[in-house]
Amino acid sequence: MIGGAGVVGRWTAQFLRASHPDVPLLIGGRNLAGANDFAAEIGPAEGVAVDLAAGDLGLGGRPVSAVVVFFTDEKIAGLRFAQSWGVPHVSISPGIIEIAPEVAAYVHAPRAAPVVLGTEWLVGATTIPTLTFARAFGRVRDITIGALLDEQDAFGPAAGADLERQTKTMPAALARRDGAFVWRVGDDAKGRFHAVDGTEMQATALSPYDVVGLATALGAPNVRFDLAVGMSSTRRRGGPLSTEIVIELTGEDHAGRPLRTRHALVHSGGQMPPTGLGVAMLLERLLGLDGNPPVPAGLYFPYQLLEPAAYLARLRQSGASILTLERP
């Protein structure tokens, strides 16, 4: 677990440990003392100093069964190492316009190992509910997603850097409009949506892998994703913070009649617990820890690997609620 002592890494390890008490973990990071401290806390685990410039990542030949990276690995050192060992690789940070290095590495060694492009919003917490709601439709025409991060939510250094890069440094955000993939720039990159409590939120266009994944899986000609950072609906009511994902679908039902649905996923723990749960369940699925055969070599999005009913059940157990909303 490269970056495993960070916020998402800790949640991932805790979910894994709860389900698989005896699976040994390597907690890798540049701060060996921090990795050792968390390894001693979570056990059975070992802290290791990761060297991304070394072919063996500085692991000295330790055997591994999977590699997960919790920050943007510009050198794709973790992926190359995983391919050399023939073990699964999961990354959750690269933006959609940074996909090329991972895809190129996979294309040149497609039978080496499973490679998961994990930068879906909260690693499955958007795509899997959306695909579940879409079952009521014969055809989905529009997918509109608004994600709300509470300004008081926990951001580790890597997560903060990812958010800064994907909302301010990257020049455009991908969307689908009238069947064509387009880049939202300038005023077109500004958005708004209504939070769970009806408050209108000013938002910024974002393009996690959900945009291309859902557009392709459902054939929807119009897909957009907007992100707002501000006060969550639960905190406006005087309660603790939460994170929200508002999902609106329009199209026709199976009888060809117009249909529009509006749902929300709200997690009482904020953004980090569902992210960690998604990564933990991916590792369980990839390695066959869930009792099913391990995943063969291939290139995957998280929603292609996570079984919806099991995922949603554990998501609810972790503090999530799924709400049916009225139109604002």
Protein backbone atom coordinates (compact mmCIF):
# COMPACT_ATOMS: atom_id res chain seq x y z
CA MET A 1 0.00 0.00 0.00
CA ILE A 2 2.04 2.93 -1.32
CA GLY A 3 0.98 5.94 0.70
CA GLY A 4 -0.80 3.53 3.01
CA ALA A 5 -0.30 5.63 6.15
CA GLY A 6 -2.31 8.50 4.64
CA VAL A 7 -6.00 9.13 5.34
CA VAL A 8 -7.45 6.91 2.58
CA GLY A 9 -4.79 4.27 3.14
CA ARG A 10 -5.73 4.05 6.80
CA TRP A 11 -9.42 3.64 6.00
CA THR A 12 -8.58 0.97 3.41
CA ALA A 13 -6.42 -0.95 5.87
CA GLN A 14 -9.09 -0.75 8.57
CA PHE A 15 -11.78 -2.13 6.25
CA LEU A 16 -9.44 -4.92 5.12
CA ARG A 17 -8.49 -5.75 8.66
CA ALA A 18 -12.12 -5.90 9.77
CA SER A 19 -12.93 -8.49 7.08
CA HIS A 20 -9.56 -10.28 6.87
CA PRO A 21 -7.75 -10.11 10.23
CA ASP A 22 -4.79 -12.22 9.12
CA VAL A 23 -3.93 -10.73 5.71
CA PRO A 24 -0.43 -9.21 6.04
CA LEU A 25 0.01 -5.64 4.79
CA LEU A 26 3.05 -3.66 3.70
CA ILE A 27 2.46 0.00 4.61
CA GLY A 28 4.72 1.95 2.28
CA GLY A 29 5.66 5.60 2.39
CA ARG A 30 8.44 8.13 2.32
CA ASN A 31 8.08 8.65 6.08
CA LEU A 32 9.17 5.31 7.46
CA ALA A 33 8.42 6.29 11.06
CA GLY A 34 4.82 7.11 10.19
CA ALA A 35 4.46 3.88 8.20
CA ASN A 36 5.90 1.86 11.09
CA ASP A 37 3.58 3.50 13.60
CA PHE A 38 0.49 2.72 11.56
CA ALA A 39 1.72 -0.81 10.79
CA ALA A 40 2.10 -1.46 14.52
CA GLU A 41 -1.38 -0.07 15.11
CA ILE A 42 -3.16 -2.05 12.38
CA GLY A 43 -1.10 -5.29 12.44
CA PRO A 44 -0.22 -7.80 11.11
CA ALA A 45 1.65 -5.29 8.98
CA GLU A 46 5.09 -3.91 8.29
CA GLY A 47 6.16 -0.38 7.47
CA VAL A 48 8.50 -0.02 4.49
CA ALA A 49 10.28 2.93 2.91
CA VAL A 50 9.23 3.08 -0.73
CA ASP A 51 11.75 4.19 -3.35
CA LEU A 52 9.95 4.91 -6.61
CA ALA A 53 13.28 5.19 -8.43
CA ALA A 54 14.18 1.57 -7.64
CA GLY A 55 12.96 -1.29 -9.77
CA ASP A 56 11.94 -3.23 -6.67
CA LEU A 57 10.51 -0.08 -5.00
CA GLY A 58 13.07 -0.61 -2.26
CA LEU A 59 11.24 -3.69 -1.00
CA GLY A 60 14.28 -5.92 -1.24
CA GLY A 61 12.49 -8.82 -2.92
CA ARG A 62 9.61 -9.09 -0.45
CA PRO A 63 6.77 -11.02 -2.14
CA VAL A 64 3.58 -9.07 -2.71
CA SER A 65 0.14 -10.10 -3.94
CA ALA A 66 -1.20 -6.67 -4.99
CA VAL A 67 -0.10 -3.04 -5.21
CA VAL A 68 -2.34 -0.05 -4.48
CA VAL A 69 -1.18 3.55 -4.88
CA PHE A 70 -2.93 6.37 -3.00
CA PHE A 71 -1.34 9.36 -4.76
CA THR A 72 -0.44 10.27 -8.33
CA ASP A 73 2.58 8.17 -9.26
CA GLU A 74 3.95 10.13 -12.22
CA LYS A 75 6.57 7.47 -12.88
CA ILE A 76 3.97 4.65 -12.75
CA ALA A 77 6.66 2.84 -10.75
CA GLY A 78 4.07 0.95 -8.74
CA LEU A 79 2.33 -0.27 -11.90
CA ARG A 80 5.57 -1.45 -13.52
CA PHE A 81 6.50 -3.26 -10.33
CA ALA A 82 3.08 -4.93 -10.17
CA GLN A 83 3.34 -6.05 -13.79
CA SER A 84 6.81 -7.48 -13.20
CA TRP A 85 5.37 -9.59 -10.36
CA GLY A 86 2.15 -10.37 -12.23
CA VAL A 87 -0.02 -9.00 -9.44
CA PRO A 88 -3.01 -6.61 -9.48
CA HIS A 89 -2.50 -2.85 -9.42
CA VAL A 90 -4.98 -0.18 -8.28
CA SER A 91 -4.47 3.58 -8.47
CA ILE A 92 -7.06 6.15 -7.37
CA SER A 93 -5.51 9.56 -8.07
CA PRO A 94 -4.62 10.26 -11.74
CA GLY A 95 -7.01 12.61 -13.55
CA ILE A 96 -8.78 11.66 -16.74
CA ILE A 97 -6.26 13.52 -18.89
CA GLU A 98 -3.46 11.65 -17.10
CA ILE A 99 -4.73 8.22 -18.09
CA ALA A 100 -2.22 7.63 -20.91
CA PRO A 101 0.78 6.29 -18.91
CA GLU A 102 -1.27 3.60 -17.17
CA VAL A 103 -3.07 2.60 -20.35
CA ALA A 104 0.20 2.47 -22.30
CA ALA A 105 1.78 0.26 -19.65
CA TYR A 106 -1.22 -2.06 -19.83
CA VAL A 107 -1.30 -2.14 -23.65
CA HIS A 108 2.33 -3.25 -23.75
CA ALA A 109 1.75 -6.05 -21.24
CA PRO A 110 -1.98 -6.89 -21.38
CA ARG A 111 -1.57 -10.38 -19.91
CA ALA A 112 0.74 -9.42 -17.07
CA ALA A 113 -1.78 -8.47 -14.37
CA PRO A 114 -5.12 -6.81 -13.62
CA VAL A 115 -4.87 -3.01 -13.78
CA VAL A 116 -7.65 -0.96 -12.17
CA LEU A 117 -8.15 2.67 -13.19
CA GLY A 118 -9.59 3.64 -9.84
CA THR A 119 -10.18 7.38 -10.09
CA GLU A 120 -13.94 7.12 -9.95
CA TRP A 121 -15.50 9.59 -7.52
CA LEU A 122 -15.09 7.94 -4.10
CA VAL A 123 -14.11 4.69 -5.84
CA GLY A 124 -17.51 3.22 -6.73
CA ALA A 125 -19.79 5.35 -4.56
CA THR A 126 -21.02 7.25 -7.63
CA THR A 127 -20.94 4.73 -10.46
CA ILE A 128 -22.51 1.76 -8.69
CA PRO A 129 -25.54 3.66 -7.32
CA THR A 130 -26.01 5.35 -10.72
CA LEU A 131 -25.98 2.03 -12.54
CA THR A 132 -28.42 0.65 -9.97
CA PHE A 133 -30.86 3.55 -10.43
CA ALA A 134 -30.53 3.19 -14.22
CA ARG A 135 -32.17 -0.25 -14.09
CA ALA A 136 -35.55 1.52 -14.00
CA PHE A 137 -34.84 2.99 -17.45
CA GLY A 138 -35.19 1.52 -20.91
CA ARG A 139 -32.99 4.35 -22.13
CA VAL A 140 -30.97 6.91 -20.21
CA ARG A 141 -30.49 10.21 -22.01
CA ASP A 142 -29.03 12.51 -19.37
CA ILE A 143 -26.80 11.84 -16.37
CA THR A 144 -26.16 14.84 -14.13
CA ILE A 145 -24.02 14.32 -11.04
CA GLY A 146 -23.32 16.89 -8.35
CA ALA A 147 -20.81 16.02 -5.64
CA LEU A 148 -20.56 18.09 -2.47
CA LEU A 149 -17.51 17.99 -0.24
CA ASP A 150 -17.87 19.66 3.12
CA GLU A 151 -15.25 22.35 3.58
CA GLN A 152 -14.44 20.86 6.98
CA ASP A 153 -13.95 17.35 5.61
CA ALA A 154 -10.60 15.65 6.10
CA PHE A 155 -8.10 16.13 3.30
CA GLY A 156 -4.77 14.36 3.46
CA PRO A 157 -1.86 16.00 1.61
CA ALA A 158 -2.21 13.68 -1.40
CA ALA A 159 -5.99 14.14 -1.62
CA GLY A 160 -5.62 17.89 -1.31
CA ALA A 161 -3.02 17.95 -4.07
CA ASP A 162 -5.23 15.81 -6.32
CA LEU A 163 -8.24 18.07 -5.81
CA GLU A 164 -6.18 21.20 -6.43
CA ARG A 165 -4.71 19.74 -9.61
CA GLN A 166 -7.97 18.42 -11.02
CA THR A 167 -10.04 21.55 -10.32
CA LYS A 168 -7.53 24.37 -10.88
CA THR A 169 -4.39 23.20 -12.68
CA MET A 170 -6.00 21.04 -15.35
CA PRO A 171 -7.30 23.35 -18.08
CA ALA A 172 -10.60 21.59 -18.85
CA ALA A 173 -13.05 18.93 -17.69
CA LEU A 174 -14.53 16.22 -19.88
CA ALA A 175 -18.27 15.88 -20.41
CA ARG A 176 -20.56 14.28 -22.99
CA ARG A 177 -22.99 16.46 -24.89
CA ASP A 178 -25.33 15.28 -27.64
CA GLY A 179 -23.28 12.10 -27.97
CA ALA A 180 -19.91 13.86 -28.36
CA PHE A 181 -17.21 14.09 -25.72
CA VAL A 182 -16.37 17.75 -25.16
CA TRP A 183 -14.09 19.75 -22.90
CA ARG A 184 -15.74 22.20 -20.53
CA VAL A 185 -13.66 25.38 -20.27
CA GLY A 186 -14.23 28.96 -19.15
CA ASP A 187 -17.83 29.75 -18.26
CA ASP A 188 -18.90 26.31 -19.47
CA ALA A 189 -16.83 24.81 -16.63
CA LYS A 190 -18.98 26.61 -14.07
CA GLY A 191 -21.90 24.62 -12.73
CA ARG A 192 -24.52 24.54 -10.03
CA PHE A 193 -26.77 21.98 -8.45
CA HIS A 194 -29.13 21.67 -5.51
CA ALA A 195 -27.83 19.89 -2.43
CA VAL A 196 -29.95 17.39 -0.52
CA ASP A 197 -31.58 20.15 1.54
CA GLY A 198 -32.40 22.18 -1.59
CA THR A 199 -29.60 24.74 -1.21
CA GLU A 200 -28.18 25.80 -4.56
CA MET A 201 -24.43 25.14 -4.68
CA GLN A 202 -21.97 26.88 -6.99
CA ALA A 203 -19.80 24.17 -8.52
CA THR A 204 -16.90 23.50 -10.87
CA ALA A 205 -16.77 20.94 -13.66
CA LEU A 206 -14.82 17.81 -12.85
CA SER A 207 -14.11 14.73 -14.93
CA PRO A 208 -13.42 11.61 -12.88
CA TYR A 209 -13.60 8.31 -14.75
CA ASP A 210 -17.32 8.19 -13.89
CA VAL A 211 -17.99 10.46 -16.89
CA VAL A 212 -16.59 8.13 -19.54
CA GLY A 213 -17.51 4.95 -17.69
CA LEU A 214 -21.19 5.81 -17.24
CA ALA A 215 -21.51 7.31 -20.72
CA THR A 216 -20.19 4.08 -22.20
CA ALA A 217 -22.00 1.65 -19.90
CA LEU A 218 -25.41 3.31 -20.31
CA GLY A 219 -25.04 4.85 -23.77
CA ALA A 220 -26.20 8.21 -22.41
CA PRO A 221 -25.59 11.06 -24.88
CA ASN A 222 -25.37 13.69 -22.11
CA VAL A 223 -23.19 13.27 -19.01
CA ARG A 224 -21.81 15.95 -16.73
CA PHE A 225 -20.19 16.01 -13.32
CA ASP A 226 -19.94 19.07 -11.07
CA LEU A 227 -18.14 19.42 -7.75
CA ALA A 228 -18.92 21.90 -4.99
CA VAL A 229 -16.95 22.50 -1.80
CA GLY A 230 -18.96 24.08 0.99
CA MET A 231 -21.26 23.37 3.89
CA SER A 232 -23.01 20.00 3.66
CA SER A 233 -26.75 19.70 4.20
CA THR A 234 -26.33 17.87 7.50
CA ARG A 235 -24.08 20.59 8.90
CA ARG A 236 -26.53 23.30 7.78
CA ARG A 237 -29.11 21.54 9.94
CA GLY A 238 -26.78 21.77 12.93
CA GLY A 239 -25.42 18.23 12.70
CA PRO A 240 -22.00 16.82 11.83
CA LEU A 241 -20.51 17.08 8.35
CA SER A 242 -21.22 14.60 5.59
CA THR A 243 -20.44 14.19 1.92
CA GLU A 244 -23.18 14.15 -0.72
CA ILE A 245 -23.54 12.83 -4.26
CA VAL A 246 -26.70 13.95 -6.07
CA ILE A 247 -27.56 11.80 -9.11
CA GLU A 248 -30.20 12.87 -11.63
CA LEU A 249 -31.20 10.63 -14.54
CA THR A 250 -33.63 11.40 -17.35
CA GLY A 251 -34.82 9.23 -20.21
CA GLU A 252 -37.59 6.70 -20.81
CA ASP A 253 -38.76 3.74 -18.79
CA HIS A 254 -39.03 0.24 -20.21
CA ALA A 255 -42.45 1.10 -21.69
CA GLY A 256 -41.06 4.14 -23.49
CA ARG A 257 -42.63 6.68 -21.12
CA PRO A 258 -40.65 9.74 -19.93
CA LEU A 259 -38.88 9.12 -16.65
CA ARG A 260 -36.77 11.30 -14.42
CA THR A 261 -35.24 10.24 -11.11
CA ARG A 262 -33.25 12.11 -8.50
CA HIS A 263 -31.34 10.33 -5.76
CA ALA A 264 -28.56 11.14 -3.35
CA LEU A 265 -25.92 9.18 -1.54
CA VAL A 266 -24.97 10.77 1.78
CA HIS A 267 -22.11 9.46 3.90
CA SER A 268 -21.97 10.55 7.52
CA GLY A 269 -18.22 10.02 7.69
CA GLY A 270 -17.34 12.33 4.81
CA GLN A 271 -15.39 11.41 1.70
CA MET A 272 -12.65 9.20 3.12
CA PRO A 273 -14.55 6.16 4.50
CA PRO A 274 -16.34 5.32 1.22
CA THR A 275 -13.10 5.82 -0.69
CA GLY A 276 -11.24 3.46 1.61
CA LEU A 277 -14.06 0.93 1.47
CA GLY A 278 -14.00 0.95 -2.34
CA VAL A 279 -10.26 0.26 -2.41
CA ALA A 280 -10.55 -2.47 0.22
CA MET A 281 -13.33 -4.24 -1.67
CA LEU A 282 -11.36 -3.98 -4.92
CA LEU A 283 -8.39 -5.70 -3.28
CA GLU A 284 -10.67 -8.40 -1.87
CA ARG A 285 -12.19 -8.99 -5.31
CA LEU A 286 -8.87 -8.90 -7.21
CA LEU A 287 -7.22 -11.42 -4.89
CA GLY A 288 -10.22 -13.68 -4.39
CA LEU A 289 -10.47 -12.87 -0.68
CA ASP A 290 -14.25 -12.64 -1.16
CA GLY A 291 -14.43 -16.35 -1.92
CA ASN A 292 -14.59 -15.99 -5.71
CA PRO A 293 -11.76 -16.74 -8.18
CA PRO A 294 -9.11 -14.00 -8.47
CA VAL A 295 -9.59 -11.51 -11.30
CA PRO A 296 -7.71 -12.33 -14.53
CA ALA A 297 -5.38 -9.88 -16.26
CA GLY A 298 -7.22 -6.98 -17.84
CA LEU A 299 -7.96 -3.27 -17.67
CA TYR A 300 -10.88 -2.39 -15.38
CA PHE A 301 -12.90 0.38 -13.81
CA PRO A 302 -13.96 -0.28 -10.19
CA TYR A 303 -17.67 -0.65 -11.01
CA GLN A 304 -16.83 -3.55 -13.33
CA LEU A 305 -15.37 -5.54 -10.44
CA LEU A 306 -17.56 -4.70 -7.44
CA GLU A 307 -20.79 -6.68 -7.09
CA PRO A 308 -23.50 -4.02 -6.58
CA ALA A 309 -25.59 -5.64 -3.83
CA ALA A 310 -22.58 -6.56 -1.69
CA TYR A 311 -20.95 -3.19 -2.25
CA LEU A 312 -24.08 -1.18 -1.38
CA ALA A 313 -24.70 -3.30 1.72
CA ARG A 314 -21.23 -2.62 3.07
CA LEU A 315 -21.44 1.03 2.04
CA ARG A 316 -24.58 1.39 4.17
CA GLN A 317 -22.90 -0.43 7.04
CA SER A 318 -20.05 2.10 6.87
CA GLY A 319 -22.42 5.05 7.36
CA ALA A 320 -24.02 5.78 3.97
CA SER A 321 -27.66 6.52 3.25
CA ILE A 322 -29.32 6.42 -0.17
CA LEU A 323 -32.17 8.89 -0.54
CA THR A 324 -34.90 9.43 -3.12
CA LEU A 325 -35.26 13.18 -3.73
CA GLU A 326 -37.94 15.39 -5.19
CA ARG A 327 -37.12 17.70 -8.06
CA PRO A 328 -35.87 21.06 -6.73
